[in-house]
Amino acid sequence: MKYGIISTKYSIIIIFLLLLNSCKKETSIPEISIQEDVAFLADDALEGRQTGTVGEQKAAKYIAKRFEDLGLQAKGTDGYFQTFTFKPKTDPHQEVNYTVKDGDSTITGTNVVAYLDNKVENTIIIGAHYDHLGYGAEGSLYKGEKSIHNGADDNASGVAVLLNLAKNLINTNTNNNYLFITFSGEEMGLLGSNYFVKNPTIDLKTVNYMINMDMVGRLKEDKTLAVYGVGTSPRWKQTLSATNPGLKLIEKESGVGPSDHTSFYNADIPVLHFFTGQHEDYHKPTDDFDKLNFEGMTTISNYIFDVITELDKSGKQAFRKTKNESDETPRFKVGLGVVPDYLYDGEGMRIDGISEDKPAQKAGLQKGDIVVKLGDSSIVDMMSYMRALSVFNAGDSTKVIVKRNGEPIEFNLSF
């Protein structure tokens, strides 16, 4: 009889351990790295993830599966997916027509939306766009033969950081819920984020703030990171400073910019947008996996996590309107043919890339040169450079002075 009791006890313990082990297996979070996510999204097999294509659908299904494996709730209109059909704009200033008729030339984009429900009042939205330019859609800066634009930095990098944050936020910082959105149609004009704000799957009144990552894959050696939207809430600057792990921050006040955070700012939601800078491979087939700084991406992911942690118990953040810096941007009819270093905070405009067969290259300018004078105008920053450029027309000639290795050099320039 005693033997039978012991045997029964052991049987119960074994069954309990087996059930416990089974539960652990079911709830374990897949260990998929930032590198692995980028490698999939920026692979040639996805053909550049252009909005409405088979390649974009493959990316959407991959992201949805990643959300599901992380145990996040589906929060689209059809599982994890929120589709929107639109007619492409013929005029860049016209409103997008999301309501279309049968027979129109339309495109269907797909946002991928997941929710981490901590059963609390407020929700933080974390977003990144996953679409890119396919084989070279409008916006491509590549002039060669038809080629896949994989968009490893733009914006597989932001999606990979979003997925990393989603994993790290499970069971932590539980004073907010989290809505994770990967947007479609960003390259065609912030279409996915615009559609979501107009057709939200949660009550936007409960949104605490929105964080956006677009091109966060190329943190440079000096660790310069641009953060846009720091004027959209009174706590941003203090929080960014308190949690900074040694990054050189370039802070921009405005909540308006060429990425998806703008859609949420326009809905009176505080925003932060993270960006490691433009480069020579921007919107070209050379924006590939092997060019990314994965250690830097991890640093940025951890930094954003620390920002969220710092604010976790501080309730809903106040919204503040900012000046729209783009309203002051001069319009110009000619270009120098350079990629400016938008993260440069010294005097002048530093060149981060040179386009082939353009005025800058023909004149002899090089990557790394700092433009300090254009025509009669001194160049002290990006805005003064754009103002100086705006006075020229095609066919004009002028002089440009650059600093190269600290020494001023003068060139003759023809537009």
Protein backbone atom coordinates (compact mmCIF):
# COMPACT_ATOMS: atom_id res chain seq x y z
CA MET A 1 0.00 0.00 0.00
CA LYS A 2 2.83 2.42 0.92
CA TYR A 3 4.63 1.64 -2.36
CA GLY A 4 1.45 2.44 -4.28
CA ILE A 5 1.10 5.83 -2.55
CA ILE A 6 4.74 6.78 -3.37
CA SER A 7 4.31 5.59 -6.94
CA THR A 8 1.16 7.70 -7.32
CA LYS A 9 2.96 10.77 -5.89
CA TYR A 10 5.86 10.34 -8.33
CA SER A 11 3.40 9.89 -11.20
CA ILE A 12 1.65 13.15 -10.28
CA ILE A 13 5.00 14.99 -10.08
CA ILE A 14 6.13 13.61 -13.45
CA ILE A 15 2.83 14.60 -15.08
CA PHE A 16 3.11 18.08 -13.52
CA LEU A 17 6.68 18.54 -14.79
CA LEU A 18 5.72 17.37 -18.26
CA LEU A 19 2.81 19.83 -18.34
CA LEU A 20 5.05 22.62 -17.03
CA ASN A 21 7.68 21.87 -19.65
CA SER A 22 5.00 21.79 -22.34
CA CYS A 23 3.71 25.20 -21.24
CA LYS A 24 7.23 26.62 -21.31
CA LYS A 25 7.72 25.41 -24.85
CA GLU A 26 4.42 26.93 -25.95
CA THR A 27 5.11 30.35 -24.40
CA SER A 28 8.82 30.61 -25.13
CA ILE A 29 9.75 33.63 -27.23
CA PRO A 30 11.64 32.79 -30.44
CA GLU A 31 15.24 33.96 -30.39
CA ILE A 32 15.40 35.67 -33.77
CA SER A 33 18.06 38.35 -34.06
CA ILE A 34 17.91 41.79 -35.63
CA GLN A 35 20.29 40.48 -38.31
CA GLU A 36 17.99 37.58 -39.17
CA ASP A 37 14.96 39.83 -39.54
CA VAL A 38 16.83 42.21 -41.84
CA ALA A 39 18.30 39.31 -43.82
CA PHE A 40 14.80 38.05 -44.64
CA LEU A 41 13.22 41.42 -45.39
CA ALA A 42 16.12 42.66 -47.53
CA ASP A 43 16.54 39.46 -49.52
CA ASP A 44 16.22 39.52 -53.31
CA ALA A 45 13.36 37.01 -53.00
CA LEU A 46 11.09 39.85 -51.77
CA GLU A 47 11.93 41.94 -54.85
CA GLY A 48 12.15 45.24 -53.00
CA ARG A 49 8.80 45.05 -51.12
CA GLN A 50 7.02 47.61 -53.32
CA THR A 51 3.50 48.42 -52.10
CA GLY A 52 0.89 46.06 -53.52
CA THR A 53 3.34 43.48 -54.88
CA VAL A 54 3.82 39.79 -54.10
CA GLY A 55 7.13 40.66 -52.43
CA GLU A 56 5.42 43.06 -50.05
CA GLN A 57 2.82 40.40 -49.21
CA LYS A 58 5.62 37.95 -48.36
CA ALA A 59 7.08 40.55 -46.02
CA ALA A 60 3.67 41.20 -44.43
CA LYS A 61 3.12 37.50 -43.77
CA TYR A 62 6.61 37.17 -42.28
CA ILE A 63 6.00 40.11 -39.91
CA ALA A 64 2.56 38.76 -38.93
CA LYS A 65 4.12 35.36 -38.13
CA ARG A 66 6.78 37.07 -36.03
CA PHE A 67 4.06 38.93 -34.11
CA GLU A 68 2.14 35.70 -33.61
CA ASP A 69 5.22 33.82 -32.38
CA LEU A 70 5.84 36.62 -29.89
CA GLY A 71 2.35 36.03 -28.50
CA LEU A 72 0.99 39.45 -29.57
CA GLN A 73 -2.69 39.89 -30.32
CA ALA A 74 -3.83 40.52 -33.88
CA LYS A 75 -5.12 44.09 -34.10
CA GLY A 76 -5.76 44.67 -37.78
CA THR A 77 -9.13 44.45 -39.50
CA ASP A 78 -8.40 40.95 -40.80
CA GLY A 79 -6.22 39.26 -38.21
CA TYR A 80 -2.91 41.10 -38.15
CA PHE A 81 -3.62 42.79 -41.50
CA GLN A 82 -5.23 46.13 -42.26
CA THR A 83 -5.55 46.52 -46.01
CA PHE A 84 -6.27 49.76 -47.81
CA THR A 85 -6.95 50.29 -51.50
CA PHE A 86 -6.06 53.56 -53.17
CA LYS A 87 -5.67 55.21 -56.51
CA PRO A 88 -2.11 56.49 -57.10
CA LYS A 89 -1.78 60.28 -57.10
CA THR A 90 -1.09 62.07 -60.38
CA ASP A 91 -0.50 65.35 -58.54
CA PRO A 92 1.83 65.19 -55.51
CA HIS A 93 -0.25 67.84 -53.73
CA GLN A 94 -3.63 66.13 -54.10
CA GLU A 95 -5.38 64.12 -51.39
CA VAL A 96 -5.07 60.34 -51.63
CA ASN A 97 -8.32 58.72 -52.72
CA TYR A 98 -8.85 55.67 -50.50
CA THR A 99 -12.40 55.20 -51.83
CA VAL A 100 -12.15 53.71 -55.29
CA LYS A 101 -14.53 52.36 -57.90
CA ASP A 102 -14.38 49.05 -59.71
CA GLY A 103 -12.23 49.31 -62.79
CA ASP A 104 -9.99 52.09 -61.46
CA SER A 105 -6.24 51.60 -61.56
CA THR A 106 -5.80 50.83 -57.86
CA ILE A 107 -3.19 49.44 -55.49
CA THR A 108 -3.77 47.56 -52.25
CA GLY A 109 -1.37 48.14 -49.38
CA THR A 110 -1.27 46.19 -46.14
CA ASN A 111 -0.43 47.48 -42.66
CA VAL A 112 0.53 44.77 -40.17
CA VAL A 113 -0.78 45.50 -36.67
CA ALA A 114 -0.25 43.72 -33.33
CA TYR A 115 -1.15 44.52 -29.73
CA LEU A 116 0.44 43.86 -26.37
CA ASP A 117 -2.44 44.23 -23.91
CA ASN A 118 -1.34 45.02 -20.36
CA LYS A 119 -4.96 45.79 -19.36
CA VAL A 120 -4.25 49.46 -18.68
CA GLU A 121 -5.67 52.75 -19.94
CA ASN A 122 -2.99 54.16 -22.27
CA THR A 123 -1.22 52.71 -25.29
CA ILE A 124 2.16 53.49 -26.85
CA ILE A 125 2.33 53.09 -30.63
CA ILE A 126 5.63 51.83 -32.05
CA GLY A 127 5.89 51.99 -35.83
CA ALA A 128 8.14 51.47 -38.84
CA HIS A 129 7.39 51.17 -42.55
CA TYR A 130 8.30 47.94 -44.32
CA ASP A 131 7.61 48.82 -47.97
CA HIS A 132 10.35 49.92 -50.38
CA LEU A 133 10.87 50.67 -54.09
CA GLY A 134 10.71 47.27 -55.76
CA TYR A 135 12.73 47.34 -58.97
CA GLY A 136 13.07 51.12 -58.86
CA ALA A 137 9.70 52.82 -58.42
CA GLU A 138 9.22 56.57 -58.34
CA GLY A 139 11.70 57.99 -55.85
CA SER A 140 14.61 55.80 -56.95
CA LEU A 141 17.89 57.68 -57.37
CA TYR A 142 19.45 54.91 -59.45
CA LYS A 143 20.01 55.56 -63.16
CA GLY A 144 21.31 52.14 -64.26
CA GLU A 145 19.55 49.03 -65.50
CA LYS A 146 16.43 47.73 -63.77
CA SER A 147 17.53 46.31 -60.43
CA ILE A 148 16.03 45.26 -57.08
CA HIS A 149 16.05 47.94 -54.41
CA ASN A 150 16.25 45.83 -51.23
CA GLY A 151 15.97 48.72 -48.77
CA ALA A 152 18.00 47.13 -45.97
CA ASP A 153 18.35 50.45 -44.17
CA ASP A 154 15.15 51.88 -45.67
CA ASN A 155 13.41 50.38 -43.85
CA ALA A 156 14.10 46.77 -42.98
CA SER A 157 16.27 48.26 -40.24
CA GLY A 158 13.33 50.00 -38.56
CA VAL A 159 11.15 46.89 -38.73
CA ALA A 160 13.90 44.73 -37.21
CA VAL A 161 14.33 47.19 -34.32
CA LEU A 162 10.54 47.25 -33.84
CA LEU A 163 10.46 43.44 -33.58
CA ASN A 164 13.35 43.53 -31.12
CA LEU A 165 11.50 46.08 -28.99
CA ALA A 166 8.33 43.98 -29.11
CA LYS A 167 10.21 41.00 -27.71
CA ASN A 168 11.87 43.08 -24.98
CA LEU A 169 8.67 44.83 -23.88
CA ILE A 170 6.79 41.62 -23.08
CA ASN A 171 6.23 41.48 -19.29
CA THR A 172 8.09 44.77 -18.73
CA ASN A 173 7.01 48.43 -18.51
CA THR A 174 3.44 47.30 -17.97
CA ASN A 175 1.91 50.70 -17.22
CA ASN A 176 1.11 51.06 -20.93
CA ASN A 177 -0.26 48.81 -23.62
CA TYR A 178 1.70 48.64 -26.89
CA LEU A 179 0.49 48.75 -30.47
CA PHE A 180 3.11 47.66 -33.01
CA ILE A 181 2.46 48.74 -36.60
CA THR A 182 4.53 48.12 -39.71
CA PHE A 183 3.22 50.45 -42.39
CA SER A 184 2.80 49.97 -46.11
CA GLY A 185 2.78 52.80 -48.65
CA GLU A 186 5.26 55.05 -46.85
CA GLU A 187 7.38 55.52 -49.97
CA MET A 188 4.28 56.61 -51.90
CA GLY A 189 3.41 59.33 -49.39
CA LEU A 190 2.87 58.02 -45.83
CA LEU A 191 -0.24 56.23 -47.06
CA GLY A 192 -0.39 53.38 -44.54
CA SER A 193 0.05 55.56 -41.47
CA ASN A 194 -2.36 58.15 -42.85
CA TYR A 195 -4.95 55.42 -43.43
CA PHE A 196 -4.47 53.96 -39.95
CA VAL A 197 -4.96 57.32 -38.25
CA LYS A 198 -8.19 57.80 -40.21
CA ASN A 199 -9.28 54.19 -39.57
CA PRO A 200 -7.69 53.23 -36.23
CA THR A 201 -8.17 49.81 -34.68
CA ILE A 202 -7.87 51.27 -31.18
CA ASP A 203 -9.27 54.48 -29.69
CA LEU A 204 -6.69 57.16 -30.56
CA LYS A 205 -7.73 59.10 -27.44
CA THR A 206 -5.97 56.42 -25.39
CA VAL A 207 -2.66 56.79 -27.26
CA ASN A 208 0.11 58.04 -25.00
CA TYR A 209 2.71 58.74 -27.69
CA MET A 210 4.10 57.33 -30.93
CA ILE A 211 7.68 56.20 -31.64
CA ASN A 212 8.84 55.79 -35.25
CA MET A 213 12.02 54.22 -36.63
CA ASP A 214 12.92 54.90 -40.26
CA MET A 215 16.50 54.22 -41.45
CA VAL A 216 18.20 53.31 -38.17
CA GLY A 217 20.70 50.87 -39.67
CA ARG A 218 23.79 52.98 -40.22
CA LEU A 219 24.94 54.43 -36.91
CA LYS A 220 28.32 56.01 -37.66
CA GLU A 221 31.53 55.78 -35.66
CA ASP A 222 30.79 59.09 -33.93
CA LYS A 223 27.43 57.58 -32.80
CA THR A 224 25.35 60.45 -34.18
CA LEU A 225 21.61 59.83 -33.96
CA ALA A 226 18.93 62.24 -35.15
CA VAL A 227 15.75 62.43 -33.08
CA TYR A 228 12.82 64.33 -34.56
CA GLY A 229 9.74 65.54 -32.71
CA VAL A 230 11.47 66.52 -29.46
CA GLY A 231 9.25 69.60 -29.23
CA THR A 232 6.01 67.61 -29.37
CA SER A 233 5.96 66.90 -25.62
CA PRO A 234 7.53 68.79 -22.69
CA ARG A 235 9.23 65.68 -21.26
CA TRP A 236 11.09 64.57 -24.38
CA LYS A 237 14.36 66.49 -24.06
CA GLN A 238 14.84 65.67 -20.40
CA THR A 239 14.06 61.98 -20.96
CA LEU A 240 16.31 61.66 -24.02
CA SER A 241 19.18 63.20 -22.08
CA ALA A 242 18.63 61.14 -18.92
CA THR A 243 18.68 57.82 -20.82
CA ASN A 244 21.37 58.63 -23.40
CA PRO A 245 23.98 55.83 -23.45
CA GLY A 246 26.65 58.04 -25.05
CA LEU A 247 25.06 58.85 -28.41
CA LYS A 248 25.64 62.19 -30.09
CA LEU A 249 22.05 63.42 -30.44
CA ILE A 250 20.90 65.81 -33.16
CA GLU A 251 17.53 66.97 -31.88
CA LYS A 252 14.83 68.40 -34.14
CA GLU A 253 11.79 70.09 -32.63
CA SER A 254 9.24 69.60 -35.40
CA GLY A 255 6.73 66.77 -35.41
CA VAL A 256 6.45 67.04 -39.19
CA GLY A 257 8.88 65.18 -41.43
CA PRO A 258 9.12 62.72 -44.34
CA SER A 259 8.13 59.63 -42.36
CA ASP A 260 5.14 58.02 -40.66
CA HIS A 261 5.35 59.88 -37.34
CA THR A 262 3.91 62.91 -39.18
CA SER A 263 0.50 61.20 -39.53
CA PHE A 264 0.28 60.79 -35.75
CA TYR A 265 1.58 64.27 -34.96
CA ASN A 266 -1.20 65.64 -37.19
CA ALA A 267 -3.64 63.75 -34.92
CA ASP A 268 -2.26 65.65 -31.88
CA ILE A 269 -0.18 62.72 -30.59
CA PRO A 270 3.36 63.31 -29.21
CA VAL A 271 5.96 61.69 -31.46
CA LEU A 272 9.63 60.73 -31.56
CA HIS A 273 11.32 59.69 -34.79
CA PHE A 274 14.76 58.04 -34.83
CA PHE A 275 17.10 58.26 -37.85
CA THR A 276 20.81 57.49 -38.38
CA GLY A 277 21.18 59.64 -41.48
CA GLN A 278 21.08 59.59 -45.25
CA HIS A 279 23.85 58.02 -47.34
CA GLU A 280 25.03 57.33 -50.89
CA ASP A 281 22.98 54.10 -51.09
CA TYR A 282 19.67 55.81 -50.25
CA HIS A 283 16.95 54.70 -52.70
CA LYS A 284 19.46 52.69 -54.72
CA PRO A 285 20.00 48.93 -55.21
CA THR A 286 23.16 49.19 -53.08
CA ASP A 287 21.16 49.68 -49.85
CA ASP A 288 21.92 46.10 -48.79
CA PHE A 289 22.28 43.91 -45.71
CA ASP A 290 26.08 44.00 -45.59
CA LYS A 291 26.15 47.81 -45.19
CA LEU A 292 24.32 47.86 -41.85
CA ASN A 293 25.72 48.41 -38.37
CA PHE A 294 23.87 45.74 -36.38
CA GLU A 295 25.60 46.58 -33.12
CA GLY A 296 24.43 50.16 -33.61
CA MET A 297 20.88 48.97 -34.22
CA THR A 298 20.95 47.09 -30.93
CA THR A 299 22.20 50.23 -29.19
CA ILE A 300 19.30 52.23 -30.65
CA SER A 301 16.76 49.55 -29.69
CA ASN A 302 18.07 49.52 -26.12
CA TYR A 303 18.01 53.33 -26.01
CA ILE A 304 14.36 53.47 -27.09
CA PHE A 305 13.55 50.78 -24.52
CA ASP A 306 15.20 52.92 -21.83
CA VAL A 307 13.21 55.98 -22.93
CA ILE A 308 10.00 53.97 -22.56
CA THR A 309 11.17 52.68 -19.16
CA GLU A 310 11.95 56.19 -17.93
CA LEU A 311 8.41 57.31 -18.77
CA ASP A 312 6.63 54.12 -17.73
CA LYS A 313 5.17 55.46 -14.49
CA SER A 314 4.68 59.08 -15.55
CA GLY A 315 1.23 58.71 -17.09
CA LYS A 316 0.06 60.20 -20.36
CA GLN A 317 2.45 62.65 -22.00
CA ALA A 318 1.19 66.12 -22.87
CA PHE A 319 1.05 67.07 -26.56
CA ARG A 320 2.55 70.30 -27.85
CA LYS A 321 2.35 71.81 -31.34
CA THR A 322 5.63 72.62 -33.04
CA LYS A 323 6.72 74.93 -35.81
CA ASN A 324 6.67 73.20 -39.20
CA GLU A 325 10.27 73.56 -40.34
CA SER A 326 9.40 72.38 -43.84
CA ASP A 327 7.29 75.54 -44.35
CA GLU A 328 10.51 77.57 -44.25
CA THR A 329 12.40 75.37 -46.71
CA PRO A 330 13.33 77.33 -49.85
CA ARG A 331 12.30 75.97 -53.25
CA PHE A 332 15.07 75.53 -55.80
CA LYS A 333 15.25 74.81 -59.51
CA VAL A 334 18.73 73.28 -59.63
CA GLY A 335 20.73 70.83 -57.53
CA LEU A 336 24.36 70.36 -56.67
CA GLY A 337 24.16 66.60 -57.07
CA VAL A 338 25.24 65.73 -53.53
CA VAL A 339 23.87 63.83 -50.55
CA PRO A 340 24.11 66.22 -47.58
CA ASP A 341 25.18 64.86 -44.20
CA TYR A 342 22.02 65.73 -42.29
CA LEU A 343 23.61 64.71 -39.00
CA TYR A 344 26.54 67.12 -39.33
CA ASP A 345 26.27 69.82 -36.68
CA GLY A 346 29.40 71.84 -37.46
CA GLU A 347 29.59 75.04 -39.52
CA GLY A 348 28.81 74.58 -43.21
CA MET A 349 27.17 71.73 -45.16
CA ARG A 350 29.17 68.49 -45.21
CA ILE A 351 28.85 66.30 -48.30
CA ASP A 352 28.08 62.66 -47.56
CA GLY A 353 27.82 61.47 -51.17
CA ILE A 354 28.37 62.61 -54.75
CA SER A 355 26.10 61.76 -57.69
CA GLU A 356 27.63 60.82 -61.02
CA ASP A 357 27.68 63.38 -63.83
CA LYS A 358 26.21 66.18 -61.69
CA PRO A 359 27.54 69.74 -61.06
CA ALA A 360 29.41 68.84 -57.85
CA GLN A 361 31.28 65.92 -59.41
CA LYS A 362 32.09 67.87 -62.57
CA ALA A 363 33.49 70.71 -60.46
CA GLY A 364 35.72 68.33 -58.46
CA LEU A 365 33.93 68.23 -55.12
CA GLN A 366 34.36 65.08 -53.01
CA LYS A 367 32.62 63.19 -50.23
CA GLY A 368 33.65 64.74 -46.91
CA ASP A 369 34.05 68.26 -48.31
CA ILE A 370 32.35 70.95 -46.22
CA VAL A 371 30.67 73.66 -48.31
CA VAL A 372 31.27 77.01 -46.60
CA LYS A 373 30.42 79.42 -49.45
CA LEU A 374 28.17 79.17 -52.50
CA GLY A 375 28.19 82.20 -54.79
CA ASP A 376 28.01 85.30 -52.59
CA SER A 377 26.44 83.45 -49.67
CA SER A 378 28.24 82.04 -46.64
CA ILE A 379 27.04 78.55 -45.70
CA VAL A 380 26.73 77.97 -41.95
CA ASP A 381 24.10 75.21 -41.88
CA MET A 382 21.68 73.23 -44.03
CA MET A 383 19.09 76.02 -44.21
CA SER A 384 21.61 78.63 -45.40
CA TYR A 385 22.84 76.14 -48.02
CA MET A 386 19.30 75.68 -49.35
CA ARG A 387 18.68 79.43 -49.38
CA ALA A 388 21.91 79.97 -51.33
CA LEU A 389 21.02 77.23 -53.81
CA SER A 390 17.49 78.58 -54.37
CA VAL A 391 18.70 81.71 -56.25
CA PHE A 392 20.29 79.75 -59.12
CA ASN A 393 18.75 78.62 -62.41
CA ALA A 394 19.81 76.00 -64.93
CA GLY A 395 22.74 77.32 -66.98
CA ASP A 396 24.08 79.60 -64.20
CA SER A 397 27.74 79.45 -63.13
CA THR A 398 29.23 80.40 -59.78
CA LYS A 399 32.06 79.67 -57.36
CA VAL A 400 31.92 77.32 -54.42
CA ILE A 401 34.37 77.17 -51.52
CA VAL A 402 34.75 74.00 -49.51
CA LYS A 403 36.93 72.95 -46.62
CA ARG A 404 38.84 69.75 -47.35
CA ASN A 405 40.99 68.40 -44.52
CA GLY A 406 40.60 71.80 -42.86
CA GLU A 407 41.89 73.78 -45.85
CA PRO A 408 39.67 76.06 -48.00
CA ILE A 409 39.55 75.21 -51.72
CA GLU A 410 37.68 77.12 -54.42
CA PHE A 411 35.95 75.49 -57.42
CA ASN A 412 34.07 76.77 -60.47
CA LEU A 413 30.58 75.34 -60.60
CA SER A 414 28.05 75.19 -63.47
CA PHE A 415 24.39 74.22 -63.03
